[in-house]
Amino acid sequence: MTRPSIRTTPLAGDSNPEWGGGHPILFTVGAYGDSFSPLYDVALALHINPNSFDESMSKVKNVVMTYGGFVEFVWPDELNSISGSGSTGAFISPQYGLTAAPSQSPTGNGILTGRRGTIAYERFLDFLELFRSNGVLFDSNGVPQLRSRIIMMYDRGTFTGHFTTFEVSEKEETPFVFDLTWEFKIEQTLYRISPSK
């Protein structure tokens, strides 16, 4: 199993490890046929890490009552899942500051104004497109060609899998950000071990 070339924290055995400090959650598309190798040299970093980050695991078993007693069927575990909720970065335009205007026409030089012209909105659209494609690689006509995986890199591990839900909400109390909730099903995990001191 190869390790990803994009890393957020050192792996065990790396020389001069620099532990400490926060790391953003990174998402990218995996290379076809190699789960932990990224397809691209860049990854999407969340501007703001989630305010909740939950990992859930569950066993699967069925108990059937028969005339002679109970029969228990034990199946492989369900896929682990990670769910997170948080917000986008603030919609701050270089020209206008904080902006909640949903859509304004481009200026004469083709630059969008309003929140669509902010970096945070661009990153939000990147994250939304990552969910929509969900690791599927398309040809130039938009026809699906290959099924790859999404790679999520965060502190203690690298996870490959796919998104199952993605919710966006806009609230009156926070007009300059979107609230996001998502769930990621884990198919494979590469854990990182902190180097011994």
N, C-alpha and C. Protein backbone atom coordinates (compact mmCIF):
# COMPACT_ATOMS: atom_id res chain seq x y z
N MET A 1 0.85 -1.18 0.00
CA MET A 1 0.00 0.00 0.00
C MET A 1 0.89 1.24 0.00
N THR A 2 0.70 2.09 -0.97
CA THR A 2 1.51 3.30 -1.02
C THR A 2 0.90 4.37 -0.15
N ARG A 3 1.72 5.27 0.36
CA ARG A 3 1.19 6.34 1.18
C ARG A 3 1.00 7.59 0.33
N PRO A 4 0.08 8.45 0.68
CA PRO A 4 -0.21 9.61 -0.15
C PRO A 4 0.96 10.59 -0.20
N SER A 5 1.07 11.27 -1.33
CA SER A 5 2.14 12.25 -1.46
C SER A 5 1.73 13.58 -0.85
N ILE A 6 0.44 13.79 -0.60
CA ILE A 6 -0.02 14.99 0.08
C ILE A 6 -0.24 14.60 1.53
N ARG A 7 0.47 15.25 2.46
CA ARG A 7 0.35 14.85 3.85
C ARG A 7 0.06 16.05 4.72
N THR A 8 -0.69 15.78 5.78
CA THR A 8 -0.98 16.85 6.73
C THR A 8 -0.11 16.73 7.96
N THR A 9 0.28 15.53 8.33
CA THR A 9 1.16 15.33 9.48
C THR A 9 2.19 14.27 9.09
N PRO A 10 3.35 14.24 9.75
CA PRO A 10 4.37 13.25 9.40
C PRO A 10 3.90 11.85 9.72
N LEU A 11 4.36 10.89 8.93
CA LEU A 11 4.11 9.49 9.21
C LEU A 11 5.23 8.95 10.08
N ALA A 12 4.96 7.83 10.77
CA ALA A 12 5.99 7.22 11.60
C ALA A 12 7.20 6.89 10.73
N GLY A 13 8.37 7.19 11.20
CA GLY A 13 9.58 6.91 10.45
C GLY A 13 10.07 8.10 9.66
N ASP A 14 9.27 9.15 9.51
CA ASP A 14 9.72 10.34 8.81
C ASP A 14 10.82 11.02 9.62
N SER A 15 11.81 11.55 8.93
CA SER A 15 12.85 12.29 9.65
C SER A 15 12.34 13.67 9.99
N ASN A 16 12.79 14.18 11.12
CA ASN A 16 12.41 15.51 11.61
C ASN A 16 10.90 15.71 11.67
N PRO A 17 10.18 14.86 12.38
CA PRO A 17 8.75 15.08 12.47
C PRO A 17 8.43 16.35 13.23
N GLU A 18 7.42 17.06 12.78
CA GLU A 18 7.01 18.30 13.45
C GLU A 18 5.56 18.15 13.89
N TRP A 19 5.38 17.60 15.07
CA TRP A 19 4.04 17.39 15.59
C TRP A 19 3.59 18.63 16.35
N GLY A 20 2.31 18.79 16.46
CA GLY A 20 1.78 19.93 17.19
C GLY A 20 1.13 20.90 16.23
N GLY A 21 0.18 21.68 16.75
CA GLY A 21 -0.52 22.62 15.89
C GLY A 21 -1.68 21.94 15.20
N GLY A 22 -2.60 22.73 14.69
CA GLY A 22 -3.76 22.16 14.01
C GLY A 22 -3.48 21.90 12.54
N HIS A 23 -4.25 21.01 11.98
CA HIS A 23 -4.13 20.68 10.58
C HIS A 23 -5.52 20.72 9.95
N PRO A 24 -5.64 21.25 8.75
CA PRO A 24 -6.95 21.27 8.12
C PRO A 24 -7.32 19.89 7.59
N ILE A 25 -8.60 19.67 7.41
CA ILE A 25 -9.05 18.45 6.73
C ILE A 25 -8.83 18.67 5.24
N LEU A 26 -8.21 17.70 4.59
CA LEU A 26 -7.95 17.77 3.16
C LEU A 26 -8.77 16.71 2.43
N PHE A 27 -9.31 17.08 1.28
CA PHE A 27 -10.04 16.15 0.43
C PHE A 27 -9.43 16.18 -0.96
N THR A 28 -9.35 15.02 -1.60
CA THR A 28 -8.94 14.94 -3.00
C THR A 28 -9.52 13.67 -3.60
N VAL A 29 -9.35 13.50 -4.90
CA VAL A 29 -9.83 12.30 -5.60
C VAL A 29 -8.66 11.34 -5.71
N GLY A 30 -8.92 10.06 -5.42
CA GLY A 30 -7.87 9.05 -5.50
C GLY A 30 -7.62 8.60 -6.92
N ALA A 31 -6.39 8.15 -7.17
CA ALA A 31 -6.03 7.61 -8.48
C ALA A 31 -6.74 6.28 -8.67
N TYR A 32 -7.19 6.01 -9.88
CA TYR A 32 -7.91 4.77 -10.16
C TYR A 32 -6.98 3.58 -9.95
N GLY A 33 -7.43 2.61 -9.15
CA GLY A 33 -6.66 1.40 -8.93
C GLY A 33 -5.67 1.48 -7.77
N ASP A 34 -5.44 2.67 -7.22
CA ASP A 34 -4.53 2.82 -6.08
C ASP A 34 -5.21 3.72 -5.06
N SER A 35 -5.83 3.11 -4.06
CA SER A 35 -6.73 3.82 -3.16
C SER A 35 -6.12 5.03 -2.49
N PHE A 36 -4.84 4.93 -2.08
CA PHE A 36 -4.27 5.99 -1.26
C PHE A 36 -3.37 6.96 -2.03
N SER A 37 -3.31 6.84 -3.33
CA SER A 37 -2.54 7.80 -4.13
C SER A 37 -3.48 8.83 -4.72
N PRO A 38 -3.20 10.11 -4.50
CA PRO A 38 -4.09 11.14 -5.05
C PRO A 38 -3.95 11.24 -6.56
N LEU A 39 -5.07 11.53 -7.22
CA LEU A 39 -5.08 11.70 -8.66
C LEU A 39 -4.42 13.01 -9.05
N TYR A 40 -4.60 14.03 -8.23
CA TYR A 40 -4.03 15.36 -8.48
C TYR A 40 -3.02 15.71 -7.41
N ASP A 41 -2.14 16.67 -7.71
CA ASP A 41 -1.13 17.10 -6.75
C ASP A 41 -1.67 18.11 -5.75
N VAL A 42 -2.91 18.52 -5.91
CA VAL A 42 -3.50 19.50 -4.99
C VAL A 42 -4.68 18.86 -4.27
N ALA A 43 -4.99 19.40 -3.11
CA ALA A 43 -6.13 18.90 -2.34
C ALA A 43 -6.96 20.09 -1.87
N LEU A 44 -8.23 19.84 -1.66
CA LEU A 44 -9.14 20.86 -1.18
C LEU A 44 -9.05 20.91 0.35
N ALA A 45 -8.64 22.04 0.89
CA ALA A 45 -8.57 22.22 2.34
C ALA A 45 -9.78 23.00 2.80
N LEU A 46 -10.43 22.52 3.85
CA LEU A 46 -11.55 23.27 4.41
C LEU A 46 -11.01 24.54 5.06
N HIS A 47 -11.64 25.67 4.77
CA HIS A 47 -11.20 26.93 5.39
C HIS A 47 -11.35 26.88 6.90
N ILE A 48 -12.44 26.27 7.35
CA ILE A 48 -12.71 26.16 8.79
C ILE A 48 -12.98 24.69 9.09
N ASN A 49 -12.21 24.12 9.99
CA ASN A 49 -12.46 22.73 10.36
C ASN A 49 -13.83 22.60 11.02
N PRO A 50 -14.46 21.42 10.93
CA PRO A 50 -15.81 21.26 11.49
C PRO A 50 -15.86 21.54 12.99
N ASN A 51 -17.01 22.06 13.45
CA ASN A 51 -17.17 22.24 14.90
C ASN A 51 -17.63 20.95 15.57
N SER A 52 -18.07 19.98 14.77
CA SER A 52 -18.30 18.63 15.30
C SER A 52 -17.75 17.64 14.29
N PHE A 53 -17.10 16.61 14.80
CA PHE A 53 -16.45 15.60 13.97
C PHE A 53 -16.69 14.27 14.66
N ASP A 54 -17.58 13.45 14.11
CA ASP A 54 -17.98 12.20 14.76
C ASP A 54 -17.64 11.01 13.88
N GLU A 55 -17.02 10.01 14.49
CA GLU A 55 -16.72 8.76 13.79
C GLU A 55 -17.58 7.67 14.41
N SER A 56 -18.32 6.95 13.57
CA SER A 56 -19.19 5.91 14.11
C SER A 56 -18.88 4.56 13.46
N MET A 57 -18.99 3.51 14.30
CA MET A 57 -18.75 2.13 13.87
C MET A 57 -19.89 1.28 14.39
N SER A 58 -20.30 0.29 13.61
CA SER A 58 -21.38 -0.56 14.10
C SER A 58 -21.21 -2.00 13.62
N LYS A 59 -21.58 -2.92 14.50
CA LYS A 59 -21.55 -4.35 14.19
C LYS A 59 -22.87 -4.75 13.55
N VAL A 60 -22.84 -5.84 12.80
CA VAL A 60 -24.07 -6.32 12.17
C VAL A 60 -24.26 -7.78 12.57
N LYS A 61 -25.40 -8.05 13.20
CA LYS A 61 -25.74 -9.44 13.49
C LYS A 61 -27.25 -9.59 13.50
N ASN A 62 -27.71 -10.76 13.11
CA ASN A 62 -29.14 -11.08 13.13
C ASN A 62 -29.36 -12.25 14.06
N VAL A 63 -30.36 -12.16 14.89
CA VAL A 63 -30.73 -13.25 15.79
C VAL A 63 -32.09 -13.77 15.36
N VAL A 64 -32.15 -15.07 15.04
CA VAL A 64 -33.39 -15.67 14.55
C VAL A 64 -33.84 -16.73 15.55
N MET A 65 -35.11 -16.68 15.91
CA MET A 65 -35.66 -17.67 16.83
C MET A 65 -36.13 -18.89 16.03
N THR A 66 -35.74 -20.08 16.47
CA THR A 66 -36.19 -21.32 15.84
C THR A 66 -36.84 -22.20 16.91
N TYR A 67 -37.36 -23.35 16.49
CA TYR A 67 -37.97 -24.26 17.46
C TYR A 67 -36.94 -24.77 18.46
N GLY A 68 -35.69 -24.90 18.03
CA GLY A 68 -34.66 -25.45 18.91
C GLY A 68 -33.93 -24.39 19.73
N GLY A 69 -34.19 -23.12 19.49
CA GLY A 69 -33.48 -22.06 20.21
C GLY A 69 -33.25 -20.86 19.31
N PHE A 70 -32.17 -20.17 19.56
CA PHE A 70 -31.84 -18.98 18.79
C PHE A 70 -30.61 -19.25 17.93
N VAL A 71 -30.63 -18.73 16.71
CA VAL A 71 -29.47 -18.81 15.82
C VAL A 71 -28.99 -17.38 15.59
N GLU A 72 -27.71 -17.18 15.79
CA GLU A 72 -27.14 -15.84 15.62
C GLU A 72 -26.24 -15.81 14.40
N PHE A 73 -26.54 -14.91 13.47
CA PHE A 73 -25.74 -14.72 12.28
C PHE A 73 -24.89 -13.47 12.48
N VAL A 74 -23.58 -13.62 12.40
CA VAL A 74 -22.67 -12.49 12.56
C VAL A 74 -22.09 -12.16 11.19
N TRP A 75 -22.31 -10.91 10.75
CA TRP A 75 -21.87 -10.46 9.44
C TRP A 75 -20.68 -9.52 9.59
N PRO A 76 -20.00 -9.23 8.48
CA PRO A 76 -18.93 -8.21 8.56
C PRO A 76 -19.49 -6.87 9.05
N ASP A 77 -18.62 -6.08 9.66
CA ASP A 77 -19.05 -4.78 10.19
C ASP A 77 -19.59 -3.88 9.09
N GLU A 78 -20.48 -2.97 9.49
CA GLU A 78 -20.91 -1.91 8.57
C GLU A 78 -19.70 -1.02 8.27
N LEU A 79 -19.78 -0.30 7.16
CA LEU A 79 -18.72 0.66 6.87
C LEU A 79 -18.70 1.72 7.96
N ASN A 80 -17.51 2.05 8.45
CA ASN A 80 -17.40 3.15 9.41
C ASN A 80 -17.77 4.44 8.69
N SER A 81 -18.23 5.41 9.45
CA SER A 81 -18.58 6.69 8.83
C SER A 81 -18.05 7.84 9.68
N ILE A 82 -17.75 8.92 9.00
CA ILE A 82 -17.34 10.16 9.65
C ILE A 82 -18.35 11.22 9.25
N SER A 83 -18.88 11.92 10.23
CA SER A 83 -19.79 13.01 9.92
C SER A 83 -19.25 14.28 10.55
N GLY A 84 -19.46 15.36 9.86
CA GLY A 84 -18.97 16.64 10.35
C GLY A 84 -19.98 17.73 10.08
N SER A 85 -19.95 18.75 10.90
CA SER A 85 -20.78 19.92 10.66
C SER A 85 -19.98 21.15 11.01
N GLY A 86 -20.17 22.19 10.25
CA GLY A 86 -19.42 23.42 10.47
C GLY A 86 -19.94 24.50 9.55
N SER A 87 -19.07 25.37 9.12
CA SER A 87 -19.49 26.47 8.26
C SER A 87 -18.43 26.74 7.21
N THR A 88 -18.82 27.48 6.21
CA THR A 88 -17.86 27.94 5.22
C THR A 88 -17.05 29.08 5.84
N GLY A 89 -16.05 29.54 5.11
CA GLY A 89 -15.38 30.77 5.53
C GLY A 89 -16.32 31.95 5.32
N ALA A 90 -15.99 33.08 5.88
CA ALA A 90 -16.84 34.27 5.73
C ALA A 90 -16.74 34.80 4.31
N PHE A 91 -17.87 35.26 3.77
CA PHE A 91 -17.90 35.81 2.41
C PHE A 91 -17.40 37.25 2.45
N ILE A 92 -16.09 37.41 2.35
CA ILE A 92 -15.46 38.73 2.39
C ILE A 92 -14.92 39.05 1.01
N SER A 93 -15.46 40.07 0.41
CA SER A 93 -15.03 40.50 -0.91
C SER A 93 -13.91 41.55 -0.77
N PRO A 94 -12.85 41.45 -1.57
CA PRO A 94 -11.78 42.46 -1.48
C PRO A 94 -12.28 43.88 -1.73
N GLN A 95 -13.30 44.02 -2.60
CA GLN A 95 -13.80 45.36 -2.92
C GLN A 95 -14.83 45.87 -1.92
N TYR A 96 -15.67 44.96 -1.37
CA TYR A 96 -16.83 45.41 -0.60
C TYR A 96 -16.83 44.95 0.85
N GLY A 97 -15.88 44.13 1.27
CA GLY A 97 -15.89 43.61 2.64
C GLY A 97 -16.89 42.48 2.77
N LEU A 98 -17.51 42.33 3.96
CA LEU A 98 -18.51 41.28 4.17
C LEU A 98 -19.68 41.52 3.24
N THR A 99 -20.11 40.46 2.57
CA THR A 99 -21.21 40.61 1.64
C THR A 99 -22.14 39.41 1.72
N ALA A 100 -23.42 39.66 1.76
CA ALA A 100 -24.41 38.60 1.77
C ALA A 100 -25.24 38.61 0.50
N ALA A 101 -24.94 39.51 -0.42
CA ALA A 101 -25.69 39.59 -1.68
C ALA A 101 -25.51 38.29 -2.44
N PRO A 102 -26.61 37.57 -2.73
CA PRO A 102 -26.46 36.25 -3.33
C PRO A 102 -25.91 36.27 -4.74
N SER A 103 -26.30 37.23 -5.56
CA SER A 103 -25.86 37.20 -6.94
C SER A 103 -25.90 38.60 -7.52
N GLN A 104 -24.81 39.00 -8.09
CA GLN A 104 -24.76 40.26 -8.80
C GLN A 104 -24.02 40.02 -10.10
N SER A 105 -24.35 40.78 -11.10
CA SER A 105 -23.75 40.56 -12.40
C SER A 105 -22.27 40.92 -12.37
N PRO A 106 -21.47 40.29 -13.27
CA PRO A 106 -20.05 40.59 -13.31
C PRO A 106 -19.79 42.05 -13.66
N THR A 107 -18.68 42.57 -13.19
CA THR A 107 -18.30 43.93 -13.54
C THR A 107 -17.79 43.94 -14.98
N GLY A 108 -17.42 45.09 -15.48
CA GLY A 108 -16.96 45.20 -16.86
C GLY A 108 -15.76 44.33 -17.17
N ASN A 109 -14.93 44.03 -16.18
CA ASN A 109 -13.76 43.17 -16.41
C ASN A 109 -14.05 41.69 -16.14
N GLY A 110 -15.32 41.33 -15.97
CA GLY A 110 -15.71 39.94 -15.80
C GLY A 110 -15.58 39.40 -14.40
N ILE A 111 -15.29 40.23 -13.41
CA ILE A 111 -15.14 39.77 -12.03
C ILE A 111 -16.50 39.81 -11.34
N LEU A 112 -16.86 38.69 -10.70
CA LEU A 112 -18.13 38.62 -9.99
C LEU A 112 -18.08 39.47 -8.73
N THR A 113 -19.20 40.09 -8.41
CA THR A 113 -19.31 40.83 -7.16
C THR A 113 -20.27 40.09 -6.25
N GLY A 114 -20.49 40.59 -5.04
CA GLY A 114 -21.34 39.88 -4.09
C GLY A 114 -20.61 38.67 -3.55
N ARG A 115 -21.33 37.78 -2.88
CA ARG A 115 -20.66 36.65 -2.25
C ARG A 115 -20.09 35.66 -3.27
N ARG A 116 -20.63 35.65 -4.50
CA ARG A 116 -20.08 34.75 -5.52
C ARG A 116 -18.68 35.15 -5.95
N GLY A 117 -18.27 36.35 -5.64
CA GLY A 117 -16.94 36.81 -5.99
C GLY A 117 -15.93 36.64 -4.86
N THR A 118 -16.27 35.86 -3.83
CA THR A 118 -15.35 35.68 -2.70
C THR A 118 -14.66 34.32 -2.77
N ILE A 119 -13.51 34.24 -2.13
CA ILE A 119 -12.75 32.99 -2.11
C ILE A 119 -13.52 31.92 -1.34
N ALA A 120 -14.17 32.29 -0.24
CA ALA A 120 -14.91 31.32 0.57
C ALA A 120 -16.02 30.68 -0.25
N TYR A 121 -16.71 31.46 -1.09
CA TYR A 121 -17.78 30.91 -1.92
C TYR A 121 -17.20 29.96 -2.97
N GLU A 122 -16.04 30.32 -3.51
CA GLU A 122 -15.37 29.44 -4.47
C GLU A 122 -15.03 28.11 -3.84
N ARG A 123 -14.48 28.14 -2.61
CA ARG A 123 -14.12 26.89 -1.92
C ARG A 123 -15.36 26.07 -1.60
N PHE A 124 -16.46 26.75 -1.26
CA PHE A 124 -17.71 26.04 -1.01
C PHE A 124 -18.15 25.31 -2.28
N LEU A 125 -18.08 25.96 -3.44
CA LEU A 125 -18.47 25.32 -4.70
C LEU A 125 -17.55 24.14 -5.03
N ASP A 126 -16.25 24.28 -4.71
CA ASP A 126 -15.32 23.16 -4.92
C ASP A 126 -15.73 21.96 -4.08
N PHE A 127 -16.08 22.20 -2.81
CA PHE A 127 -16.50 21.12 -1.91
C PHE A 127 -17.80 20.48 -2.40
N LEU A 128 -18.73 21.31 -2.87
CA LEU A 128 -20.00 20.81 -3.40
C LEU A 128 -19.77 19.95 -4.64
N GLU A 129 -18.88 20.37 -5.54
CA GLU A 129 -18.58 19.58 -6.74
C GLU A 129 -17.89 18.26 -6.39
N LEU A 130 -17.07 18.28 -5.34
CA LEU A 130 -16.43 17.04 -4.89
C LEU A 130 -17.49 16.05 -4.43
N PHE A 131 -18.51 16.54 -3.70
CA PHE A 131 -19.61 15.68 -3.28
C PHE A 131 -20.40 15.17 -4.49
N ARG A 132 -20.68 16.04 -5.44
CA ARG A 132 -21.49 15.65 -6.61
C ARG A 132 -20.80 14.60 -7.46
N SER A 133 -19.50 14.76 -7.69
CA SER A 133 -18.78 13.76 -8.50
C SER A 133 -18.52 12.50 -7.69
N ASN A 134 -18.24 12.66 -6.40
CA ASN A 134 -18.04 11.55 -5.46
C ASN A 134 -17.00 10.54 -5.94
N GLY A 135 -15.95 11.05 -6.59
CA GLY A 135 -14.87 10.17 -7.03
C GLY A 135 -15.05 9.57 -8.41
N VAL A 136 -16.14 9.89 -9.08
CA VAL A 136 -16.36 9.38 -10.44
C VAL A 136 -15.62 10.28 -11.42
N LEU A 137 -14.89 9.68 -12.35
CA LEU A 137 -14.14 10.42 -13.36
C LEU A 137 -14.93 10.42 -14.66
N PHE A 138 -15.12 11.61 -15.22
CA PHE A 138 -15.94 11.78 -16.41
C PHE A 138 -15.07 12.08 -17.62
N ASP A 139 -15.59 11.76 -18.83
CA ASP A 139 -14.89 12.17 -20.05
C ASP A 139 -15.32 13.58 -20.43
N SER A 140 -14.84 14.06 -21.59
CA SER A 140 -15.12 15.45 -21.99
C SER A 140 -16.59 15.70 -22.29
N ASN A 141 -17.37 14.63 -22.50
CA ASN A 141 -18.80 14.77 -22.77
C ASN A 141 -19.65 14.64 -21.51
N GLY A 142 -19.01 14.47 -20.35
CA GLY A 142 -19.74 14.34 -19.10
C GLY A 142 -20.25 12.94 -18.82
N VAL A 143 -19.73 11.94 -19.54
CA VAL A 143 -20.14 10.55 -19.34
C VAL A 143 -19.20 9.89 -18.33
N PRO A 144 -19.73 9.24 -17.28
CA PRO A 144 -18.85 8.58 -16.29
C PRO A 144 -17.99 7.50 -16.96
N GLN A 145 -16.70 7.50 -16.65
CA GLN A 145 -15.78 6.53 -17.24
C GLN A 145 -15.18 5.59 -16.19
N LEU A 146 -14.73 6.14 -15.08
CA LEU A 146 -14.08 5.33 -14.05
C LEU A 146 -14.63 5.70 -12.67
N ARG A 147 -14.68 4.70 -11.80
CA ARG A 147 -15.12 4.92 -10.42
C ARG A 147 -13.89 4.91 -9.53
N SER A 148 -13.54 6.07 -9.01
CA SER A 148 -12.43 6.16 -8.08
C SER A 148 -12.99 6.38 -6.69
N ARG A 149 -12.20 6.88 -5.76
CA ARG A 149 -12.62 7.13 -4.40
C ARG A 149 -12.22 8.54 -3.99
N ILE A 150 -12.88 9.05 -2.96
CA ILE A 150 -12.48 10.30 -2.35
C ILE A 150 -11.48 9.98 -1.24
N ILE A 151 -10.42 10.75 -1.16
CA ILE A 151 -9.43 10.60 -0.08
C ILE A 151 -9.63 11.75 0.89
N MET A 152 -9.77 11.41 2.15
CA MET A 152 -9.85 12.41 3.20
C MET A 152 -8.65 12.24 4.12
N MET A 153 -7.88 13.32 4.32
CA MET A 153 -6.70 13.27 5.17
C MET A 153 -6.91 14.18 6.37
N TYR A 154 -6.73 13.61 7.55
CA TYR A 154 -6.93 14.39 8.77
C TYR A 154 -6.16 13.74 9.90
N ASP A 155 -5.50 14.54 10.70
CA ASP A 155 -4.64 14.18 11.82
C ASP A 155 -4.19 12.72 11.88
N ARG A 156 -5.03 11.82 12.34
CA ARG A 156 -4.53 10.48 12.68
C ARG A 156 -4.66 9.47 11.57
N GLY A 157 -5.12 9.89 10.40
CA GLY A 157 -5.24 8.90 9.35
C GLY A 157 -5.62 9.45 7.99
N THR A 158 -5.52 8.58 7.00
CA THR A 158 -5.99 8.86 5.66
C THR A 158 -7.11 7.89 5.37
N PHE A 159 -8.25 8.40 4.95
CA PHE A 159 -9.43 7.59 4.75
C PHE A 159 -9.86 7.67 3.29
N THR A 160 -10.22 6.53 2.70
CA THR A 160 -10.80 6.56 1.36
C THR A 160 -12.25 6.11 1.46
N GLY A 161 -13.09 6.68 0.63
CA GLY A 161 -14.50 6.31 0.67
C GLY A 161 -15.33 7.21 -0.22
N HIS A 162 -16.52 7.50 0.23
CA HIS A 162 -17.44 8.32 -0.56
C HIS A 162 -18.38 9.08 0.36
N PHE A 163 -18.91 10.19 -0.15
CA PHE A 163 -19.89 10.97 0.59
C PHE A 163 -21.27 10.33 0.45
N THR A 164 -22.05 10.34 1.51
CA THR A 164 -23.43 9.88 1.44
C THR A 164 -24.42 11.02 1.58
N THR A 165 -24.09 12.03 2.38
CA THR A 165 -24.98 13.19 2.51
C THR A 165 -24.17 14.47 2.53
N PHE A 166 -24.82 15.55 2.09
CA PHE A 166 -24.21 16.88 2.09
C PHE A 166 -25.35 17.88 2.19
N GLU A 167 -25.41 18.61 3.29
CA GLU A 167 -26.51 19.56 3.49
C GLU A 167 -25.95 20.96 3.68
N VAL A 168 -26.63 21.91 3.05
CA VAL A 168 -26.23 23.32 3.14
C VAL A 168 -27.42 24.10 3.67
N SER A 169 -27.18 24.97 4.63
CA SER A 169 -28.27 25.82 5.12
C SER A 169 -27.77 27.24 5.29
N GLU A 170 -28.67 28.17 5.01
CA GLU A 170 -28.37 29.60 5.14
C GLU A 170 -29.31 30.16 6.18
N LYS A 171 -28.76 30.81 7.19
CA LYS A 171 -29.59 31.30 8.31
C LYS A 171 -29.53 32.81 8.41
N GLU A 172 -30.61 33.36 8.91
CA GLU A 172 -30.70 34.81 9.10
C GLU A 172 -29.67 35.29 10.12
N GLU A 173 -29.38 34.46 11.13
CA GLU A 173 -28.46 34.87 12.20
C GLU A 173 -27.02 34.96 11.70
N THR A 174 -26.68 34.19 10.66
CA THR A 174 -25.31 34.18 10.13
C THR A 174 -25.37 34.43 8.62
N PRO A 175 -25.59 35.68 8.21
CA PRO A 175 -25.81 35.95 6.79
C PRO A 175 -24.56 35.85 5.92
N PHE A 176 -23.37 35.82 6.53
CA PHE A 176 -22.15 35.85 5.74
C PHE A 176 -21.47 34.49 5.61
N VAL A 177 -22.13 33.43 6.05
CA VAL A 177 -21.58 32.07 5.92
C VAL A 177 -22.72 31.10 5.63
N PHE A 178 -22.37 29.92 5.11
CA PHE A 178 -23.31 28.80 4.99
C PHE A 178 -22.95 27.77 6.06
N ASP A 179 -23.95 27.14 6.64
CA ASP A 179 -23.71 26.01 7.54
C ASP A 179 -23.71 24.73 6.72
N LEU A 180 -22.75 23.87 6.99
CA LEU A 180 -22.59 22.62 6.22
C LEU A 180 -22.66 21.42 7.14
N THR A 181 -23.29 20.36 6.66
CA THR A 181 -23.31 19.07 7.36
C THR A 181 -23.06 18.00 6.32
N TRP A 182 -22.14 17.08 6.60
CA TRP A 182 -21.84 16.04 5.63
C TRP A 182 -21.51 14.72 6.34
N GLU A 183 -21.67 13.63 5.58
CA GLU A 183 -21.30 12.31 6.10
C GLU A 183 -20.45 11.61 5.06
N PHE A 184 -19.40 10.95 5.53
CA PHE A 184 -18.42 10.29 4.66
C PHE A 184 -18.32 8.84 5.09
N LYS A 185 -18.60 7.90 4.18
CA LYS A 185 -18.46 6.47 4.47
C LYS A 185 -17.04 6.02 4.17
N ILE A 186 -16.42 5.37 5.14
CA ILE A 186 -15.02 4.96 5.01
C ILE A 186 -14.96 3.55 4.45
N GLU A 187 -14.19 3.38 3.36
CA GLU A 187 -14.00 2.05 2.79
C GLU A 187 -12.64 1.46 3.19
N GLN A 188 -11.62 2.32 3.29
CA GLN A 188 -10.30 1.88 3.74
C GLN A 188 -9.68 2.96 4.61
N THR A 189 -8.83 2.55 5.54
CA THR A 189 -8.17 3.49 6.44
C THR A 189 -6.69 3.18 6.51
N LEU A 190 -5.88 4.22 6.45
CA LEU A 190 -4.46 4.11 6.69
C LEU A 190 -4.15 4.97 7.91
N TYR A 191 -3.97 4.31 9.08
CA TYR A 191 -3.75 5.05 10.31
C TYR A 191 -2.31 5.52 10.39
N ARG A 192 -2.12 6.65 11.08
CA ARG A 192 -0.79 7.18 11.31
C ARG A 192 -0.45 7.02 12.78
N ILE A 193 0.74 6.59 13.05
CA ILE A 193 1.20 6.36 14.41
C ILE A 193 2.18 7.46 14.78
N SER A 194 1.96 8.09 15.92
CA SER A 194 2.86 9.15 16.37
C SER A 194 4.23 8.54 16.67
N PRO A 195 5.31 9.17 16.19
CA PRO A 195 6.65 8.61 16.46
C PRO A 195 6.94 8.63 17.97
N SER A 196 7.69 7.61 18.42
CA SER A 196 8.02 7.52 19.85
C SER A 196 9.01 8.63 20.21
N LYS A 197 8.92 9.09 21.44
CA LYS A 197 9.78 10.21 21.88
C LYS A 197 11.02 9.67 22.53
